[in-house]
Structure formats: C-alpha cells, structure tokens
PDB file of N, CA and C in Angstrom:
ATOM      1  N   MET A   1      21.185 -44.309  89.425  1.00  0.00           N
ATOM      2  CA  MET A   1      21.312 -43.828  88.050  1.00  0.00           C
ATOM      3  C   MET A   1      22.437 -42.990  87.276  1.00  0.00           C
ATOM      4  N   LYS A   2      22.480 -44.136  85.840  1.00  0.00           N
ATOM      5  CA  LYS A   2      23.882 -43.657  85.353  1.00  0.00           C
ATOM      6  C   LYS A   2      23.620 -42.713  84.706  1.00  0.00           C
ATOM      7  N   THR A   3      24.672 -41.805  84.616  1.00  0.00           N
ATOM      8  CA  THR A   3      24.614 -40.248  83.541  1.00  0.00           C
ATOM      9  C   THR A   3      24.832 -40.663  81.924  1.00  0.00           C
ATOM     10  N   ARG A   4      24.184 -39.919  81.735  1.00  0.00           N
ATOM     11  CA  ARG A   4      24.503 -40.344  80.123  1.00  0.00           C
ATOM     12  C   ARG A   4      25.607 -39.273  79.571  1.00  0.00           C
ATOM     13  N   HIS A   5      26.291 -39.892  78.536  1.00  0.00           N
ATOM     14  CA  HIS A   5      27.434 -38.649  78.285  1.00  0.00           C
ATOM     15  C   HIS A   5      26.787 -37.960  76.549  1.00  0.00           C
ATOM     16  N   SER A   6      26.635 -37.104  76.815  1.00  0.00           N
ATOM     17  CA  SER A   6      26.867 -36.126  75.556  1.00  0.00           C
ATOM     18  C   SER A   6      27.846 -36.267  74.582  1.00  0.00           C
ATOM     19  N   ASN A   7      27.662 -35.936  73.500  1.00  0.00           N
ATOM     20  CA  ASN A   7      28.350 -35.766  72.433  1.00  0.00           C
ATOM     21  C   ASN A   7      28.923 -34.299  72.083  1.00  0.00           C
ATOM     22  N   SER A   8      29.294 -33.972  73.683  1.00  0.00           N
ATOM     23  CA  SER A   8      29.796 -32.590  73.625  1.00  0.00           C
ATOM     24  C   SER A   8      31.205 -32.861  73.415  1.00  0.00           C
ATOM     25  N   HIS A   9      31.869 -34.093  73.780  1.00  0.00           N
ATOM     26  CA  HIS A   9      33.122 -34.086  73.618  1.00  0.00           C
ATOM     27  C   HIS A   9      34.007 -33.241  72.396  1.00  0.00           C
ATOM     28  N   PRO A  10      35.230 -32.847  72.870  1.00  0.00           N
ATOM     29  CA  PRO A  10      35.989 -31.965  71.142  1.00  0.00           C
ATOM     30  C   PRO A  10      36.336 -32.849  70.134  1.00  0.00           C
ATOM     31  N   LYS A  11      35.972 -32.657  69.320  1.00  0.00           N
ATOM     32  CA  LYS A  11      36.366 -33.626  67.931  1.00  0.00           C
ATOM     33  C   LYS A  11      37.725 -34.184  68.124  1.00  0.00           C
ATOM     34  N   LYS A  12      38.140 -35.189  67.648  1.00  0.00           N
ATOM     35  CA  LYS A  12      39.656 -35.142  67.512  1.00  0.00           C
ATOM     36  C   LYS A  12      40.173 -34.754  65.966  1.00  0.00           C
ATOM     37  N   ASN A  13      41.615 -34.012  66.299  1.00  0.00           N
ATOM     38  CA  ASN A  13      41.948 -33.159  65.179  1.00  0.00           C
ATOM     39  C   ASN A  13      42.425 -34.983  63.983  1.00  0.00           C
ATOM     40  N   PRO A  14      41.663 -35.012  62.702  1.00  0.00           N
ATOM     41  CA  PRO A  14      42.518 -36.196  62.322  1.00  0.00           C
ATOM     42  C   PRO A  14      43.615 -35.869  61.432  1.00  0.00           C
ATOM     43  N   LEU A  15      44.087 -34.385  61.600  1.00  0.00           N
ATOM     44  CA  LEU A  15      45.162 -34.907  60.623  1.00  0.00           C
ATOM     45  C   LEU A  15      46.662 -35.499  61.152  1.00  0.00           C
ATOM     46  N   PRO A  16      46.909 -36.064  62.449  1.00  0.00           N
ATOM     47  CA  PRO A  16      47.901 -36.771  62.687  1.00  0.00           C
ATOM     48  C   PRO A  16      47.342 -38.073  62.260  1.00  0.00           C
ATOM     49  N   PHE A  17      46.627 -38.386  61.989  1.00  0.00           N
ATOM     50  CA  PHE A  17      46.342 -39.954  61.915  1.00  0.00           C
ATOM     51  C   PHE A  17      46.603 -39.913  60.089  1.00  0.00           C
ATOM     52  N   ALA A  18      45.607 -38.872  59.620  1.00  0.00           N
ATOM     53  CA  ALA A  18      46.394 -38.608  57.937  1.00  0.00           C
ATOM     54  C   ALA A  18      47.659 -38.542  57.735  1.00  0.00           C
ATOM     55  N   PHE A  19      48.291 -38.064  58.289  1.00  0.00           N
ATOM     56  CA  PHE A  19      49.781 -37.626  58.171  1.00  0.00           C
ATOM     57  C   PHE A  19      50.563 -38.826  58.602  1.00  0.00           C
ATOM     58  N   TYR A  20      49.931 -39.772  59.679  1.00  0.00           N
ATOM     59  CA  TYR A  20      50.255 -41.422  59.779  1.00  0.00           C
ATOM     60  C   TYR A  20      49.998 -42.521  58.832  1.00  0.00           C
ATOM     61  N   LEU A  21      49.123 -42.112  58.047  1.00  0.00           N
ATOM     62  CA  LEU A  21      48.512 -42.962  57.030  1.00  0.00           C
ATOM     63  C   LEU A  21      49.790 -42.905  55.835  1.00  0.00           C
ATOM     64  N   LEU A  22      49.905 -41.500  55.569  1.00  0.00           N
ATOM     65  CA  LEU A  22      50.223 -40.911  54.056  1.00  0.00           C
ATOM     66  C   LEU A  22      51.472 -40.773  54.403  1.00  0.00           C
ATOM     67  N   GLN A  23      52.438 -41.216  55.691  1.00  0.00           N
ATOM     68  CA  GLN A  23      53.725 -41.502  55.753  1.00  0.00           C
ATOM     69  C   GLN A  23      54.352 -43.349  55.349  1.00  0.00           C
ATOM     70  N   ASN A  24      52.999 -44.030  56.690  1.00  0.00           N
ATOM     71  CA  ASN A  24      53.509 -45.265  56.531  1.00  0.00           C
ATOM     72  C   ASN A  24      52.953 -45.987  55.247  1.00  0.00           C
ATOM     73  N   GLY A  25      52.397 -45.143  54.053  1.00  0.00           N
ATOM     74  CA  GLY A  25      51.878 -45.512  52.720  1.00  0.00           C
ATOM     75  C   GLY A  25      52.849 -45.415  52.357  1.00  0.00           C
ATOM     76  N   PHE A  26      53.662 -44.510  52.532  1.00  0.00           N
ATOM     77  CA  PHE A  26      55.191 -43.849  51.708  1.00  0.00           C
ATOM     78  C   PHE A  26      56.382 -44.870  51.998  1.00  0.00           C
ATOM     79  N   GLN A  27      56.075 -44.901  53.761  1.00  0.00           N
ATOM     80  CA  GLN A  27      57.266 -46.430  53.147  1.00  0.00           C
ATOM     81  C   GLN A  27      56.949 -47.864  52.508  1.00  0.00           C
ATOM     82  N   VAL A  28      56.297 -47.838  52.965  1.00  0.00           N
ATOM     83  CA  VAL A  28      55.223 -49.397  52.028  1.00  0.00           C
ATOM     84  C   VAL A  28      55.726 -48.970  50.778  1.00  0.00           C
ATOM     85  N   PHE A  29      55.181 -48.250  50.122  1.00  0.00           N
ATOM     86  CA  PHE A  29      55.352 -47.707  48.992  1.00  0.00           C
ATOM     87  C   PHE A  29      57.075 -47.772  48.295  1.00  0.00           C
ATOM     88  N   ARG A  30      57.938 -46.974  49.230  1.00  0.00           N
ATOM     89  CA  ARG A  30      59.366 -46.868  49.409  1.00  0.00           C
ATOM     90  C   ARG A  30      60.290 -48.690  49.208  1.00  0.00           C
ATOM     91  N   ARG A  31      59.735 -48.821  50.253  1.00  0.00           N
ATOM     92  CA  ARG A  31      60.436 -50.390  50.233  1.00  0.00           C
ATOM     93  C   ARG A  31      59.797 -51.393  49.121  1.00  0.00           C
ATOM     94  N   ARG A  32      58.686 -51.434  48.940  1.00  0.00           N
ATOM     95  CA  ARG A  32      58.299 -52.264  47.856  1.00  0.00           C
ATOM     96  C   ARG A  32      59.342 -51.504  46.348  1.00  0.00           C
ATOM     97  N   LEU A  33      59.471 -50.337  45.952  1.00  0.00           N
ATOM     98  CA  LEU A  33      60.321 -50.098  45.018  1.00  0.00           C
ATOM     99  C   LEU A  33      62.094 -50.608  44.976  1.00  0.00           C
ATOM    100  N   GLU A  34      62.279 -50.438  46.577  1.00  0.00           N
ATOM    101  CA  GLU A  34      63.763 -51.524  47.195  1.00  0.00           C
ATOM    102  C   GLU A  34      63.768 -52.281  46.218  1.00  0.00           C
ATOM    103  N   GLN A  35      62.557 -53.240  46.901  1.00  0.00           N
ATOM    104  CA  GLN A  35      62.846 -55.007  47.103  1.00  0.00           C
ATOM    105  C   GLN A  35      62.193 -55.221  44.954  1.00  0.00           C
ATOM    106  N   GLU A  36      62.008 -54.546  44.414  1.00  0.00           N
ATOM    107  CA  GLU A  36      61.787 -54.500  42.788  1.00  0.00           C
ATOM    108  C   GLU A  36      63.068 -54.290  42.014  1.00  0.00           C
ATOM    109  N   LEU A  37      63.324 -52.824  42.350  1.00  0.00           N
ATOM    110  CA  LEU A  37      64.873 -52.782  42.130  1.00  0.00           C
ATOM    111  C   LEU A  37      65.516 -53.769  42.113  1.00  0.00           C
ATOM    112  N   MET A  38      66.098 -54.436  42.999  1.00  0.00           N
ATOM    113  CA  MET A  38      66.885 -55.367  43.631  1.00  0.00           C
ATOM    114  C   MET A  38      66.983 -56.360  42.971  1.00  0.00           C
ATOM    115  N   ALA A  39      65.822 -56.948  42.720  1.00  0.00           N
ATOM    116  CA  ALA A  39      65.086 -58.603  42.665  1.00  0.00           C
ATOM    117  C   ALA A  39      65.365 -58.419  40.717  1.00  0.00           C
ATOM    118  N   ASP A  40      64.695 -56.957  40.096  1.00  0.00           N
ATOM    119  CA  ASP A  40      64.388 -57.378  38.469  1.00  0.00           C
ATOM    120  C   ASP A  40      66.051 -56.820  38.221  1.00  0.00           C
ATOM    121  N   ARG A  41      66.361 -55.748  38.344  1.00  0.00           N
ATOM    122  CA  ARG A  41      67.487 -55.136  37.828  1.00  0.00           C
ATOM    123  C   ARG A  41      68.679 -54.895  38.599  1.00  0.00           C
ATOM    124  N   GLY A  42      68.750 -55.687  39.558  1.00  0.00           N
ATOM    125  CA  GLY A  42      70.451 -55.338  40.389  1.00  0.00           C
ATOM    126  C   GLY A  42      70.585 -53.875  41.231  1.00  0.00           C
ATOM    127  N   ILE A  43      69.560 -52.844  41.347  1.00  0.00           N
ATOM    128  CA  ILE A  43      70.230 -51.274  41.314  1.00  0.00           C
ATOM    129  C   ILE A  43      69.062 -51.249  42.720  1.00  0.00           C
ATOM    130  N   ASN A  44      70.352 -50.436  43.517  1.00  0.00           N
ATOM    131  CA  ASN A  44      69.931 -49.801  44.838  1.00  0.00           C
ATOM    132  C   ASN A  44      69.426 -48.562  45.114  1.00  0.00           C
ATOM    133  N   LEU A  45      68.217 -48.510  45.412  1.00  0.00           N
ATOM    134  CA  LEU A  45      66.971 -47.468  45.778  1.00  0.00           C
ATOM    135  C   LEU A  45      68.116 -46.038  45.895  1.00  0.00           C
ATOM    136  N   SER A  46      68.576 -46.597  47.349  1.00  0.00           N
ATOM    137  CA  SER A  46      68.815 -44.853  47.704  1.00  0.00           C
ATOM    138  C   SER A  46      70.045 -44.530  46.846  1.00  0.00           C
ATOM    139  N   ASP A  47      71.160 -45.496  45.495  1.00  0.00           N
ATOM    140  CA  ASP A  47      72.249 -44.976  45.280  1.00  0.00           C
ATOM    141  C   ASP A  47      71.265 -44.612  44.202  1.00  0.00           C
ATOM    142  N   CYS A  48      70.231 -43.907  43.888  1.00  0.00           N
ATOM    143  CA  CYS A  48      68.999 -43.239  42.516  1.00  0.00           C
ATOM    144  C   CYS A  48      68.366 -42.797  42.106  1.00  0.00           C
ATOM    145  N   ALA A  49      67.774 -42.344  43.742  1.00  0.00           N
ATOM    146  CA  ALA A  49      67.050 -41.577  44.114  1.00  0.00           C
ATOM    147  C   ALA A  49      66.267 -41.602  45.249  1.00  0.00           C
ATOM    148  N   ASP A  50      66.335 -40.129  45.484  1.00  0.00           N
ATOM    149  CA  ASP A  50      66.405 -39.795  47.107  1.00  0.00           C
ATOM    150  C   ASP A  50      65.033 -39.337  47.299  1.00  0.00           C
ATOM    151  N   ASP A  51      64.338 -39.888  48.885  1.00  0.00           N
ATOM    152  CA  ASP A  51      62.971 -39.905  49.150  1.00  0.00           C
ATOM    153  C   ASP A  51      62.329 -38.550  48.653  1.00  0.00           C
ATOM    154  N   GLU A  52      62.562 -37.101  48.299  1.00  0.00           N
ATOM    155  CA  GLU A  52      62.117 -36.016  48.233  1.00  0.00           C
ATOM    156  C   GLU A  52      61.374 -36.428  47.079  1.00  0.00           C
ATOM    157  N   THR A  53      61.959 -36.556  45.782  1.00  0.00           N
ATOM    158  CA  THR A  53      61.989 -37.291  44.409  1.00  0.00           C
ATOM    159  C   THR A  53      60.839 -38.186  44.395  1.00  0.00           C
ATOM    160  N   LEU A  54      60.680 -39.106  45.280  1.00  0.00           N
ATOM    161  CA  LEU A  54      59.853 -39.941  45.339  1.00  0.00           C
ATOM    162  C   LEU A  54      58.652 -39.864  46.382  1.00  0.00           C
ATOM    163  N   TYR A  55      58.925 -39.149  47.147  1.00  0.00           N
ATOM    164  CA  TYR A  55      57.408 -38.810  48.140  1.00  0.00           C
ATOM    165  C   TYR A  55      56.686 -38.017  47.227  1.00  0.00           C
ATOM    166  N   ARG A  56      57.707 -37.094  46.272  1.00  0.00           N
ATOM    167  CA  ARG A  56      56.815 -36.454  44.859  1.00  0.00           C
ATOM    168  C   ARG A  56      55.721 -37.224  44.203  1.00  0.00           C
ATOM    169  N   LEU A  57      56.564 -38.000  43.909  1.00  0.00           N
ATOM    170  CA  LEU A  57      55.860 -39.211  43.345  1.00  0.00           C
ATOM    171  C   LEU A  57      54.646 -40.151  43.352  1.00  0.00           C
ATOM    172  N   TYR A  58      55.066 -40.401  45.100  1.00  0.00           N
ATOM    173  CA  TYR A  58      54.075 -40.753  45.737  1.00  0.00           C
ATOM    174  C   TYR A  58      52.666 -39.749  45.845  1.00  0.00           C
ATOM    175  N   GLN A  59      52.889 -38.725  46.133  1.00  0.00           N
ATOM    176  CA  GLN A  59      52.100 -37.837  46.080  1.00  0.00           C
ATOM    177  C   GLN A  59      50.788 -38.150  44.986  1.00  0.00           C
ATOM    178  N   ARG A  60      51.644 -38.067  44.032  1.00  0.00           N
ATOM    179  CA  ARG A  60      50.911 -37.827  43.096  1.00  0.00           C
ATOM    180  C   ARG A  60      50.229 -38.947  42.589  1.00  0.00           C
ATOM    181  N   GLY A  61      50.546 -40.184  42.963  1.00  0.00           N
ATOM    182  CA  GLY A  61      50.163 -41.674  43.085  1.00  0.00           C
ATOM    183  C   GLY A  61      50.371 -42.434  41.887  1.00  0.00           C
ATOM    184  N   GLU A  62      51.743 -41.763  41.503  1.00  0.00           N
ATOM    185  CA  GLU A  62      52.309 -42.253  40.271  1.00  0.00           C
ATOM    186  C   GLU A  62      52.560 -44.562  40.846  1.00  0.00           C
ATOM    187  N   PRO A  63      52.550 -45.419  40.000  1.00  0.00           N
ATOM    188  CA  PRO A  63      52.703 -46.438  40.225  1.00  0.00           C
ATOM    189  C   PRO A  63      53.486 -46.722  40.239  1.00  0.00           C
ATOM    190  N   THR A  64      54.491 -47.913  41.023  1.00  0.00           N
ATOM    191  CA  THR A  64      55.278 -48.757  41.405  1.00  0.00           C
ATOM    192  C   THR A  64      56.116 -48.787  39.744  1.00  0.00           C
ATOM    193  N   SER A  65      55.228 -49.337  38.794  1.00  0.00           N
ATOM    194  CA  SER A  65      56.160 -49.885  37.866  1.00  0.00           C
ATOM    195  C   SER A  65      56.071 -48.387  36.955  1.00  0.00           C
ATOM    196  N   PHE A  66      55.594 -47.373  36.796  1.00  0.00           N
ATOM    197  CA  PHE A  66      55.980 -45.926  36.082  1.00  0.00           C
ATOM    198  C   PHE A  66      57.674 -45.235  37.030  1.00  0.00           C
ATOM    199  N   VAL A  67      57.180 -45.488  38.307  1.00  0.00           N
ATOM    200  CA  VAL A  67      58.498 -45.105  39.369  1.00  0.00           C
ATOM    201  C   VAL A  67      60.187 -45.500  38.743  1.00  0.00           C
ATOM    202  N   MET A  68      59.930 -47.335  38.436  1.00  0.00           N
ATOM    203  CA  MET A  68      61.082 -47.963  38.411  1.00  0.00           C
ATOM    204  C   MET A  68      61.471 -47.771  37.157  1.00  0.00           C
ATOM    205  N   ALA A  69      60.554 -47.314  36.048  1.00  0.00           N
ATOM    206  CA  ALA A  69      61.155 -47.337  34.241  1.00  0.00           C
ATOM    207  C   ALA A  69      61.605 -46.070  34.718  1.00  0.00           C
ATOM    208  N   ARG A  70      61.406 -45.003  35.397  1.00  0.00           N
ATOM    209  CA  ARG A  70      61.874 -43.278  35.016  1.00  0.00           C
ATOM    210  C   ARG A  70      63.075 -43.578  35.988  1.00  0.00           C
ATOM    211  N   ILE A  71      63.609 -44.650  37.415  1.00  0.00           N
ATOM    212  CA  ILE A  71      65.055 -44.726  38.093  1.00  0.00           C
ATOM    213  C   ILE A  71      65.796 -45.696  36.701  1.00  0.00           C
ATOM    214  N   CYS A  72      65.162 -46.227  36.489  1.00  0.00           N
ATOM    215  CA  CYS A  72      66.389 -47.260  35.107  1.00  0.00           C
ATOM    216  C   CYS A  72      66.483 -46.151  34.025  1.00  0.00           C
ATOM    217  N   ASN A  73      65.487 -45.579  33.893  1.00  0.00           N
ATOM    218  CA  ASN A  73      66.192 -44.678  32.227  1.00  0.00           C
ATOM    219  C   ASN A  73      67.249 -43.606  32.620  1.00  0.00           C
ATOM    220  N   ASP A  74      66.893 -42.706  34.211  1.00  0.00           N
ATOM    221  CA  ASP A  74      67.574 -42.106  34.300  1.00  0.00           C
ATOM    222  C   ASP A  74      69.158 -42.482  34.573  1.00  0.00           C
ATOM    223  N   GLU A  75      69.043 -43.923  35.097  1.00  0.00           N
ATOM    224  CA  GLU A  75      70.077 -44.687  35.548  1.00  0.00           C
ATOM    225  C   GLU A  75      71.120 -44.741  33.953  1.00  0.00           C
ATOM    226  N   ASN A  76      70.215 -45.025  32.935  1.00  0.00           N
ATOM    227  CA  ASN A  76      71.242 -45.141  31.573  1.00  0.00           C
ATOM    228  C   ASN A  76      71.473 -44.090  31.109  1.00  0.00           C
TER     229      ASN A  76
END
C-alpha cells in the first residue's frame, strides 16, 4: 500500500527566485541598452552610466527609449 504524501511540506521561500528574476531582467535591460546605444549613437554604456543608476531606472520600470534619451542628453 502506497503512502500518500500530505501537503505539510514547508513552503519554499519565493524571495530567492524573485531576486533571480529581477537580477536577470536587469541584465537583459542593460545588455539591450548597451547594444542600442552602440548601434544608434556609438556610445559605450559603461562610459556614461553606472549600474546603480541604471538599476534604479530599471526598478521604476522606465522604458529603454527613455533611458537612452536621458543618457544621450547627459552626454551632450
């Protein structure tokens, strides 16, 4: 006779997974900005913006077009 497992397992903490998704999303956001800035304007992202600033913009949900415009205006 098989024993049925109850649902009494402790719930897994979703925070590490949520952090992973947030960090992974930021890396995709940053990579896209790097590619678009270099292709459109010839600007190297690491020369004009740090990760802390970019991460704040990413967390606020700013679109890449807004971030690109902001970076390009800061450059001029």
